[in-house]
Amino acid sequence: MSRVSIRVNNLKKVFRKRSSLFRGRITEEWALKGVSLEVASGEAYALLGPNGSGKSTLIRILSTLLLQDGGTVEIEGRRLPGDERRVREIVGRVSVDAAFYKKLSAKENLLYSAFLYGYHREEAERRAREILEQLGFPVRRFHDPLEEMSRGMQQKIAIARALLVNPPVLLLDEPTTGLDPKSKRDVQVFLERLRERRRTTILLTSHDMAEAERLCERIGLLAGGSLVAEGTAGELRRKAGCDNLDDVFIRLTGEKLVDEKKETVEKT
């Protein structure tokens, strides 16, 4: 039986908002309503769901950027909350809105991240160049400021930053959103080769059904903060009675029902 790398049990997160600055009613919005899932060591698992379903919230909790309001998390045996420092040492995170020092070059951004983990300059630069070359990044741009680079090039730098320290767990929050077809393919091929070489555990969130099926053995569907279905692509197709994952997504997450309600309101 495979060892569990990521274990999420009854995870809950609520966001509270006050209607005015000093007075007013406090409203609650539950982003996660008791989500439980497991990802085996070396497995790639896709988490799909409509906007606002809780995907990014879950990733942020796993990467120690948010505290949960209930439930437990274990990553490679480290528990959250309580072991945030050790979790940060073994997790790499790539998000759709990766933050950089835009005035600095790709090299300067990557070396800064490497220094935080105690890497020496020569080793860090060699590793950074190696990853970027595999991602199809033009090495001649290595010394250019990030503000002069395309969205695709910046995203490849974000991936290189997450992988500099060879993390056993990789959290990918819509890593190819907004990329051109060539850049998207470069990233997908790199991730496939990474898993072949290092058996890195990957948790991927995406709106790209084809990408999820290509990269991941299992898929979980989130809707309204709850995990509504889980299985291989084939198992989900059979469960939904659909031929493709787009239709599976619509049927199992209830998006079709939401659309029908909107249409009814518009007609009236």
C-alpha atoms as a PDB file:
ATOM      1  CA  MET A   1       0.000   0.000   0.000  1.00  0.00           C
ATOM      2  CA  SER A   2       1.371   3.439  -0.972  1.00  0.00           C
ATOM      3  CA  ARG A   3       2.405   5.834   1.744  1.00  0.00           C
ATOM      4  CA  VAL A   4       0.147   8.893   2.129  1.00  0.00           C
ATOM      5  CA  SER A   5       1.937  12.158   1.366  1.00  0.00           C
ATOM      6  CA  ILE A   6      -0.971  14.594   1.853  1.00  0.00           C
ATOM      7  CA  ARG A   7      -3.807  13.831   4.254  1.00  0.00           C
ATOM      8  CA  VAL A   8      -6.677  16.322   4.627  1.00  0.00           C
ATOM      9  CA  ASN A   9      -9.374  15.452   7.159  1.00  0.00           C
ATOM     10  CA  ASN A  10     -12.643  17.374   7.606  1.00  0.00           C
ATOM     11  CA  LEU A  11     -10.969  20.647   6.610  1.00  0.00           C
ATOM     12  CA  LYS A  12     -13.025  23.788   7.214  1.00  0.00           C
ATOM     13  CA  LYS A  13     -12.460  27.459   6.494  1.00  0.00           C
ATOM     14  CA  VAL A  14     -14.809  30.389   7.023  1.00  0.00           C
ATOM     15  CA  PHE A  15     -14.302  34.015   6.030  1.00  0.00           C
ATOM     16  CA  ARG A  16     -16.029  36.663   8.137  1.00  0.00           C
ATOM     17  CA  LYS A  17     -16.893  40.117   6.827  1.00  0.00           C
ATOM     18  CA  ARG A  18     -18.392  43.154   8.562  1.00  0.00           C
ATOM     19  CA  SER A  19     -20.852  45.249   6.544  1.00  0.00           C
ATOM     20  CA  SER A  20     -19.270  48.524   7.761  1.00  0.00           C
ATOM     21  CA  LEU A  21     -15.928  49.491   9.287  1.00  0.00           C
ATOM     22  CA  PHE A  22     -16.923  50.014  12.935  1.00  0.00           C
ATOM     23  CA  ARG A  23     -20.476  48.741  13.162  1.00  0.00           C
ATOM     24  CA  GLY A  24     -22.712  46.445  11.230  1.00  0.00           C
ATOM     25  CA  ARG A  25     -23.625  42.839  10.874  1.00  0.00           C
ATOM     26  CA  ILE A  26     -20.910  40.196  10.479  1.00  0.00           C
ATOM     27  CA  THR A  27     -21.570  37.714   7.713  1.00  0.00           C
ATOM     28  CA  GLU A  28     -19.896  34.342   7.280  1.00  0.00           C
ATOM     29  CA  GLU A  29     -18.930  32.639   4.050  1.00  0.00           C
ATOM     30  CA  TRP A  30     -17.758  29.037   4.274  1.00  0.00           C
ATOM     31  CA  ALA A  31     -15.024  28.385   1.705  1.00  0.00           C
ATOM     32  CA  LEU A  32     -14.445  24.788   2.865  1.00  0.00           C
ATOM     33  CA  LYS A  33     -17.146  22.702   4.547  1.00  0.00           C
ATOM     34  CA  GLY A  34     -15.377  19.613   5.828  1.00  0.00           C
ATOM     35  CA  VAL A  35     -13.196  18.458   2.917  1.00  0.00           C
ATOM     36  CA  SER A  36     -11.333  15.149   3.279  1.00  0.00           C
ATOM     37  CA  LEU A  37      -8.895  13.663   0.770  1.00  0.00           C
ATOM     38  CA  GLU A  38      -5.627  11.755   0.555  1.00  0.00           C
ATOM     39  CA  VAL A  39      -2.805  11.924  -1.987  1.00  0.00           C
ATOM     40  CA  ALA A  40      -0.318   9.058  -2.072  1.00  0.00           C
ATOM     41  CA  SER A  41       3.422   9.621  -2.213  1.00  0.00           C
ATOM     42  CA  GLY A  42       4.417  10.192  -5.843  1.00  0.00           C
ATOM     43  CA  GLU A  43       0.812  10.587  -7.007  1.00  0.00           C
ATOM     44  CA  ALA A  44      -0.554  13.479  -9.065  1.00  0.00           C
ATOM     45  CA  TYR A  45      -4.041  14.516  -7.932  1.00  0.00           C
ATOM     46  CA  ALA A  46      -6.188  17.161  -9.646  1.00  0.00           C
ATOM     47  CA  LEU A  47      -8.706  19.282  -7.770  1.00  0.00           C
ATOM     48  CA  LEU A  48     -11.298  20.755 -10.121  1.00  0.00           C
ATOM     49  CA  GLY A  49     -14.201  23.038  -9.421  1.00  0.00           C
ATOM     50  CA  PRO A  50     -15.950  26.247 -10.464  1.00  0.00           C
ATOM     51  CA  ASN A  51     -14.713  29.655  -9.352  1.00  0.00           C
ATOM     52  CA  GLY A  52     -15.313  30.107  -5.639  1.00  0.00           C
ATOM     53  CA  SER A  53     -15.480  26.384  -4.899  1.00  0.00           C
ATOM     54  CA  GLY A  54     -12.579  26.509  -2.396  1.00  0.00           C
ATOM     55  CA  LYS A  55      -9.671  25.182  -4.486  1.00  0.00           C
ATOM     56  CA  SER A  56      -7.258  28.056  -3.875  1.00  0.00           C
ATOM     57  CA  THR A  57      -8.269  28.280  -0.215  1.00  0.00           C
ATOM     58  CA  LEU A  58      -7.304  24.636   0.260  1.00  0.00           C
ATOM     59  CA  ILE A  59      -3.944  25.191  -1.475  1.00  0.00           C
ATOM     60  CA  ARG A  60      -3.230  28.236   0.693  1.00  0.00           C
ATOM     61  CA  ILE A  61      -3.915  26.251   3.856  1.00  0.00           C
ATOM     62  CA  LEU A  62      -1.608  23.441   2.726  1.00  0.00           C
ATOM     63  CA  SER A  63       1.133  25.954   1.944  1.00  0.00           C
ATOM     64  CA  THR A  64       0.748  27.609   5.415  1.00  0.00           C
ATOM     65  CA  LEU A  65      -0.601  30.916   4.036  1.00  0.00           C
ATOM     66  CA  LEU A  66      -3.963  30.460   5.789  1.00  0.00           C
ATOM     67  CA  LEU A  67      -5.051  28.851   9.052  1.00  0.00           C
ATOM     68  CA  GLN A  68      -7.986  26.461   8.931  1.00  0.00           C
ATOM     69  CA  ASP A  69     -11.024  26.856  11.183  1.00  0.00           C
ATOM     70  CA  GLY A  70     -11.456  23.125  11.633  1.00  0.00           C
ATOM     71  CA  GLY A  71     -10.046  19.780  10.638  1.00  0.00           C
ATOM     72  CA  THR A  72      -6.472  18.542  10.302  1.00  0.00           C
ATOM     73  CA  VAL A  73      -3.752  18.473   7.651  1.00  0.00           C
ATOM     74  CA  GLU A  74      -0.689  16.247   7.408  1.00  0.00           C
ATOM     75  CA  ILE A  75       2.001  16.698   4.749  1.00  0.00           C
ATOM     76  CA  GLU A  76       4.768  14.102   4.787  1.00  0.00           C
ATOM     77  CA  GLY A  77       3.929  13.454   8.438  1.00  0.00           C
ATOM     78  CA  ARG A  78       4.041  17.135   9.465  1.00  0.00           C
ATOM     79  CA  ARG A  79       0.842  18.501  10.955  1.00  0.00           C
ATOM     80  CA  LEU A  80      -0.902  21.798  10.359  1.00  0.00           C
ATOM     81  CA  PRO A  81      -1.328  23.832  12.375  1.00  0.00           C
ATOM     82  CA  GLY A  82       1.775  23.399  14.504  1.00  0.00           C
ATOM     83  CA  ASP A  83       4.589  22.459  12.147  1.00  0.00           C
ATOM     84  CA  GLU A  84       4.487  25.305   9.635  1.00  0.00           C
ATOM     85  CA  ARG A  85       8.247  25.828   9.414  1.00  0.00           C
ATOM     86  CA  ARG A  86       8.993  22.215   8.496  1.00  0.00           C
ATOM     87  CA  VAL A  87       6.109  22.118   6.013  1.00  0.00           C
ATOM     88  CA  ARG A  88       7.530  25.171   4.197  1.00  0.00           C
ATOM     89  CA  GLU A  89      10.823  23.311   3.815  1.00  0.00           C
ATOM     90  CA  ILE A  90       9.235  20.402   1.901  1.00  0.00           C
ATOM     91  CA  VAL A  91       6.515  22.121  -0.132  1.00  0.00           C
ATOM     92  CA  GLY A  92       6.845  24.058  -3.379  1.00  0.00           C
ATOM     93  CA  ARG A  93       3.914  26.260  -4.426  1.00  0.00           C
ATOM     94  CA  VAL A  94       3.071  27.776  -7.800  1.00  0.00           C
ATOM     95  CA  SER A  95       0.039  30.045  -8.109  1.00  0.00           C
ATOM     96  CA  VAL A  96      -1.721  31.741 -10.984  1.00  0.00           C
ATOM     97  CA  ASP A  97      -0.834  35.120  -9.458  1.00  0.00           C
ATOM     98  CA  ALA A  98       2.781  34.487  -8.441  1.00  0.00           C
ATOM     99  CA  ALA A  99       4.435  37.512  -6.792  1.00  0.00           C
ATOM    100  CA  PHE A 100       7.903  38.708  -7.727  1.00  0.00           C
ATOM    101  CA  TYR A 101      10.207  41.650  -7.358  1.00  0.00           C
ATOM    102  CA  LYS A 102       9.424  42.919 -10.849  1.00  0.00           C
ATOM    103  CA  LYS A 103      12.361  45.340 -11.033  1.00  0.00           C
ATOM    104  CA  LEU A 104      14.804  42.473 -10.436  1.00  0.00           C
ATOM    105  CA  SER A 105      15.924  39.966 -13.030  1.00  0.00           C
ATOM    106  CA  ALA A 106      14.957  36.313 -13.228  1.00  0.00           C
ATOM    107  CA  LYS A 107      18.383  35.431 -11.868  1.00  0.00           C
ATOM    108  CA  GLU A 108      18.091  37.833  -8.920  1.00  0.00           C
ATOM    109  CA  ASN A 109      14.596  36.633  -7.992  1.00  0.00           C
ATOM    110  CA  LEU A 110      15.623  32.975  -8.101  1.00  0.00           C
ATOM    111  CA  LEU A 111      18.892  33.462  -6.210  1.00  0.00           C
ATOM    112  CA  TYR A 112      17.070  35.410  -3.502  1.00  0.00           C
ATOM    113  CA  SER A 113      14.666  32.502  -2.984  1.00  0.00           C
ATOM    114  CA  ALA A 114      17.533  29.994  -2.970  1.00  0.00           C
ATOM    115  CA  PHE A 115      19.483  31.982  -0.364  1.00  0.00           C
ATOM    116  CA  LEU A 116      16.476  31.823   1.988  1.00  0.00           C
ATOM    117  CA  TYR A 117      16.881  28.021   1.961  1.00  0.00           C
ATOM    118  CA  GLY A 118      20.643  28.163   2.517  1.00  0.00           C
ATOM    119  CA  TYR A 119      21.739  27.316  -1.029  1.00  0.00           C
ATOM    120  CA  HIS A 120      25.116  28.540  -2.268  1.00  0.00           C
ATOM    121  CA  ARG A 121      25.179  30.941  -5.203  1.00  0.00           C
ATOM    122  CA  GLU A 122      26.879  28.625  -7.710  1.00  0.00           C
ATOM    123  CA  GLU A 123      24.645  25.656  -6.940  1.00  0.00           C
ATOM    124  CA  ALA A 124      21.487  27.786  -7.013  1.00  0.00           C
ATOM    125  CA  GLU A 125      22.326  29.426 -10.336  1.00  0.00           C
ATOM    126  CA  ARG A 126      23.181  26.099 -11.956  1.00  0.00           C
ATOM    127  CA  ARG A 127      19.938  24.574 -10.718  1.00  0.00           C
ATOM    128  CA  ALA A 128      17.880  27.599 -11.839  1.00  0.00           C
ATOM    129  CA  ARG A 129      19.347  27.563 -15.357  1.00  0.00           C
ATOM    130  CA  GLU A 130      18.807  23.818 -15.618  1.00  0.00           C
ATOM    131  CA  ILE A 131      15.100  24.043 -14.731  1.00  0.00           C
ATOM    132  CA  LEU A 132      14.443  27.054 -16.967  1.00  0.00           C
ATOM    133  CA  GLU A 133      16.094  25.371 -19.957  1.00  0.00           C
ATOM    134  CA  GLN A 134      13.893  22.310 -19.478  1.00  0.00           C
ATOM    135  CA  LEU A 135      10.847  24.606 -19.357  1.00  0.00           C
ATOM    136  CA  GLY A 136      11.779  26.188 -22.678  1.00  0.00           C
ATOM    137  CA  PHE A 137      12.699  29.536 -21.110  1.00  0.00           C
ATOM    138  CA  PRO A 138      15.033  31.634 -23.347  1.00  0.00           C
ATOM    139  CA  VAL A 139      18.276  31.660 -21.353  1.00  0.00           C
ATOM    140  CA  ARG A 140      19.320  34.954 -22.959  1.00  0.00           C
ATOM    141  CA  ARG A 141      16.554  36.602 -20.872  1.00  0.00           C
ATOM    142  CA  PHE A 142      17.973  35.297 -17.581  1.00  0.00           C
ATOM    143  CA  HIS A 143      19.335  38.744 -16.648  1.00  0.00           C
ATOM    144  CA  ASP A 144      16.315  40.794 -17.802  1.00  0.00           C
ATOM    145  CA  PRO A 145      13.909  42.431 -15.312  1.00  0.00           C
ATOM    146  CA  LEU A 146      10.685  40.493 -14.844  1.00  0.00           C
ATOM    147  CA  GLU A 147       8.605  43.551 -15.676  1.00  0.00           C
ATOM    148  CA  GLU A 148       9.863  43.208 -19.264  1.00  0.00           C
ATOM    149  CA  MET A 149       8.810  39.572 -19.576  1.00  0.00           C
ATOM    150  CA  SER A 150       5.627  37.942 -20.834  1.00  0.00           C
ATOM    151  CA  ARG A 151       3.125  36.211 -18.562  1.00  0.00           C
ATOM    152  CA  GLY A 152       4.358  32.836 -19.814  1.00  0.00           C
ATOM    153  CA  MET A 153       7.995  33.559 -19.020  1.00  0.00           C
ATOM    154  CA  GLN A 154       7.108  34.828 -15.551  1.00  0.00           C
ATOM    155  CA  GLN A 155       5.125  31.675 -14.847  1.00  0.00           C
ATOM    156  CA  LYS A 156       8.085  29.512 -15.854  1.00  0.00           C
ATOM    157  CA  ILE A 157      10.223  31.463 -13.398  1.00  0.00           C
ATOM    158  CA  ALA A 158       7.592  30.819 -10.704  1.00  0.00           C
ATOM    159  CA  ILE A 159       7.826  27.086 -11.386  1.00  0.00           C
ATOM    160  CA  ALA A 160      11.625  27.209 -11.289  1.00  0.00           C
ATOM    161  CA  ARG A 161      11.463  29.040  -7.953  1.00  0.00           C
ATOM    162  CA  ALA A 162       9.202  26.369  -6.462  1.00  0.00           C
ATOM    163  CA  LEU A 163      11.502  23.568  -7.643  1.00  0.00           C
ATOM    164  CA  LEU A 164      14.881  25.037  -6.723  1.00  0.00           C
ATOM    165  CA  VAL A 165      15.020  23.072  -3.459  1.00  0.00           C
ATOM    166  CA  ASN A 166      13.702  19.782  -4.912  1.00  0.00           C
ATOM    167  CA  PRO A 167      10.540  19.690  -2.758  1.00  0.00           C
ATOM    168  CA  PRO A 168       8.911  16.270  -2.343  1.00  0.00           C
ATOM    169  CA  VAL A 169       5.470  17.948  -2.551  1.00  0.00           C
ATOM    170  CA  LEU A 170       4.388  20.403  -5.242  1.00  0.00           C
ATOM    171  CA  LEU A 171       1.198  22.485  -4.911  1.00  0.00           C
ATOM    172  CA  LEU A 172       0.120  23.890  -8.286  1.00  0.00           C
ATOM    173  CA  ASP A 173      -2.726  26.420  -8.212  1.00  0.00           C
ATOM    174  CA  GLU A 174      -3.775  26.885 -11.871  1.00  0.00           C
ATOM    175  CA  PRO A 175      -0.126  26.996 -13.036  1.00  0.00           C
ATOM    176  CA  THR A 176      -0.901  27.232 -16.777  1.00  0.00           C
ATOM    177  CA  THR A 177      -3.841  29.648 -16.722  1.00  0.00           C
ATOM    178  CA  GLY A 178      -3.311  32.400 -19.275  1.00  0.00           C
ATOM    179  CA  LEU A 179      -0.358  30.723 -20.984  1.00  0.00           C
ATOM    180  CA  ASP A 180      -0.114  30.354 -24.753  1.00  0.00           C
ATOM    181  CA  PRO A 181      -0.382  26.774 -26.115  1.00  0.00           C
ATOM    182  CA  LYS A 182       3.406  26.398 -26.509  1.00  0.00           C
ATOM    183  CA  SER A 183       4.164  27.584 -22.956  1.00  0.00           C
ATOM    184  CA  LYS A 184       1.383  25.405 -21.555  1.00  0.00           C
ATOM    185  CA  ARG A 185       2.786  22.351 -23.343  1.00  0.00           C
ATOM    186  CA  ASP A 186       6.309  23.141 -22.096  1.00  0.00           C
ATOM    187  CA  VAL A 187       5.067  23.218 -18.491  1.00  0.00           C
ATOM    188  CA  GLN A 188       3.044  20.004 -18.836  1.00  0.00           C
ATOM    189  CA  VAL A 189       5.938  18.070 -20.390  1.00  0.00           C
ATOM    190  CA  PHE A 190       8.273  19.321 -17.667  1.00  0.00           C
ATOM    191  CA  LEU A 191       5.904  18.170 -14.913  1.00  0.00           C
ATOM    192  CA  GLU A 192       5.555  14.740 -16.520  1.00  0.00           C
ATOM    193  CA  ARG A 193       9.324  14.327 -16.678  1.00  0.00           C
ATOM    194  CA  LEU A 194       9.709  15.596 -13.116  1.00  0.00           C
ATOM    195  CA  ARG A 195       7.395  12.880 -11.804  1.00  0.00           C
ATOM    196  CA  GLU A 196       9.197  10.216 -13.818  1.00  0.00           C
ATOM    197  CA  ARG A 197      12.570  11.218 -12.364  1.00  0.00           C
ATOM    198  CA  ARG A 198      11.747  12.194  -8.790  1.00  0.00           C
ATOM    199  CA  ARG A 199       8.266  10.801  -8.022  1.00  0.00           C
ATOM    200  CA  THR A 200       7.234  14.221  -6.743  1.00  0.00           C
ATOM    201  CA  THR A 201       3.775  14.348  -5.167  1.00  0.00           C
ATOM    202  CA  ILE A 202       1.604  16.886  -7.011  1.00  0.00           C
ATOM    203  CA  LEU A 203      -1.684  18.501  -6.049  1.00  0.00           C
ATOM    204  CA  LEU A 204      -2.993  20.469  -9.031  1.00  0.00           C
ATOM    205  CA  THR A 205      -5.938  22.837  -9.294  1.00  0.00           C
ATOM    206  CA  SER A 206      -7.079  23.707 -12.790  1.00  0.00           C
ATOM    207  CA  HIS A 207     -10.003  24.634 -15.033  1.00  0.00           C
ATOM    208  CA  ASP A 208      -8.394  22.698 -17.888  1.00  0.00           C
ATOM    209  CA  MET A 209     -10.035  19.266 -18.007  1.00  0.00           C
ATOM    210  CA  ALA A 210      -7.575  17.918 -20.605  1.00  0.00           C
ATOM    211  CA  GLU A 211      -4.619  19.038 -18.510  1.00  0.00           C
ATOM    212  CA  ALA A 212      -6.005  17.370 -15.390  1.00  0.00           C
ATOM    213  CA  GLU A 213      -6.573  14.099 -17.232  1.00  0.00           C
ATOM    214  CA  ARG A 214      -3.130  14.219 -18.842  1.00  0.00           C
ATOM    215  CA  LEU A 215      -1.146  14.929 -15.674  1.00  0.00           C
ATOM    216  CA  CYS A 216      -3.104  13.270 -12.871  1.00  0.00           C
ATOM    217  CA  GLU A 217      -4.105   9.735 -11.907  1.00  0.00           C
ATOM    218  CA  ARG A 218      -7.075  10.845  -9.819  1.00  0.00           C
ATOM    219  CA  ILE A 219      -9.416  13.814  -9.860  1.00  0.00           C
ATOM    220  CA  GLY A 220     -11.501  15.375  -7.101  1.00  0.00           C
ATOM    221  CA  LEU A 221     -14.418  17.706  -7.836  1.00  0.00           C
ATOM    222  CA  LEU A 222     -15.119  20.578  -5.438  1.00  0.00           C
ATOM    223  CA  ALA A 223     -18.402  22.470  -5.395  1.00  0.00           C
ATOM    224  CA  GLY A 224     -19.567  24.942  -2.766  1.00  0.00           C
ATOM    225  CA  GLY A 225     -16.684  24.064  -0.466  1.00  0.00           C
ATOM    226  CA  SER A 226     -17.395  20.307  -0.480  1.00  0.00           C
ATOM    227  CA  LEU A 227     -15.791  17.391  -2.288  1.00  0.00           C
ATOM    228  CA  VAL A 228     -18.674  16.046  -4.365  1.00  0.00           C
ATOM    229  CA  ALA A 229     -16.886  13.335  -6.360  1.00  0.00           C
ATOM    230  CA  GLU A 230     -13.499  11.642  -6.627  1.00  0.00           C
ATOM    231  CA  GLY A 231     -11.897   9.006  -8.825  1.00  0.00           C
ATOM    232  CA  THR A 232     -10.027   8.401 -12.047  1.00  0.00           C
ATOM    233  CA  ALA A 233     -11.209  10.180 -15.184  1.00  0.00           C
ATOM    234  CA  GLY A 234     -12.824   6.948 -16.352  1.00  0.00           C
ATOM    235  CA  GLU A 235     -14.588   6.382 -13.035  1.00  0.00           C
ATOM    236  CA  LEU A 236     -15.975   9.925 -13.046  1.00  0.00           C
ATOM    237  CA  ARG A 237     -17.237   9.548 -16.615  1.00  0.00           C
ATOM    238  CA  ARG A 238     -19.087   6.371 -15.658  1.00  0.00           C
ATOM    239  CA  LYS A 239     -20.522   7.952 -12.529  1.00  0.00           C
ATOM    240  CA  ALA A 240     -21.822  10.979 -14.436  1.00  0.00           C
ATOM    241  CA  GLY A 241     -22.836   9.016 -17.533  1.00  0.00           C
ATOM    242  CA  CYS A 242     -20.840  11.382 -19.746  1.00  0.00           C
ATOM    243  CA  ASP A 243     -18.279  10.900 -22.494  1.00  0.00           C
ATOM    244  CA  ASN A 244     -15.962  13.800 -21.673  1.00  0.00           C
ATOM    245  CA  LEU A 245     -14.698  15.545 -18.542  1.00  0.00           C
ATOM    246  CA  ASP A 246     -16.266  18.892 -19.416  1.00  0.00           C
ATOM    247  CA  ASP A 247     -19.723  17.299 -19.186  1.00  0.00           C
ATOM    248  CA  VAL A 248     -18.684  15.402 -16.042  1.00  0.00           C
ATOM    249  CA  PHE A 249     -17.631  18.692 -14.431  1.00  0.00           C
ATOM    250  CA  ILE A 250     -20.910  20.414 -15.312  1.00  0.00           C
ATOM    251  CA  ARG A 251     -23.084  17.533 -14.131  1.00  0.00           C
ATOM    252  CA  LEU A 252     -21.320  16.603 -10.890  1.00  0.00           C
ATOM    253  CA  THR A 253     -20.571  20.119  -9.639  1.00  0.00           C
ATOM    254  CA  GLY A 254     -24.129  21.316 -10.275  1.00  0.00           C
ATOM    255  CA  GLU A 255     -23.055  24.080 -12.634  1.00  0.00           C
ATOM    256  CA  LYS A 256     -25.796  23.129 -15.099  1.00  0.00           C
ATOM    257  CA  LEU A 257     -28.416  23.581 -12.397  1.00  0.00           C
ATOM    258  CA  VAL A 258     -27.063  27.053 -11.582  1.00  0.00           C
ATOM    259  CA  ASP A 259     -27.161  28.042 -15.248  1.00  0.00           C
ATOM    260  CA  GLU A 260     -30.739  26.803 -15.614  1.00  0.00           C
ATOM    261  CA  LYS A 261     -31.823  28.848 -12.599  1.00  0.00           C
ATOM    262  CA  LYS A 262     -30.222  31.969 -14.065  1.00  0.00           C
ATOM    263  CA  GLU A 263     -31.953  31.390 -17.380  1.00  0.00           C
ATOM    264  CA  THR A 264     -35.304  31.025 -15.609  1.00  0.00           C
ATOM    265  CA  VAL A 265     -34.800  34.314 -13.756  1.00  0.00           C
ATOM    266  CA  GLU A 266     -33.785  36.093 -16.955  1.00  0.00           C
ATOM    267  CA  LYS A 267     -36.877  34.845 -18.799  1.00  0.00           C
ATOM    268  CA  THR A 268     -39.173  36.078 -16.054  1.00  0.00           C
END
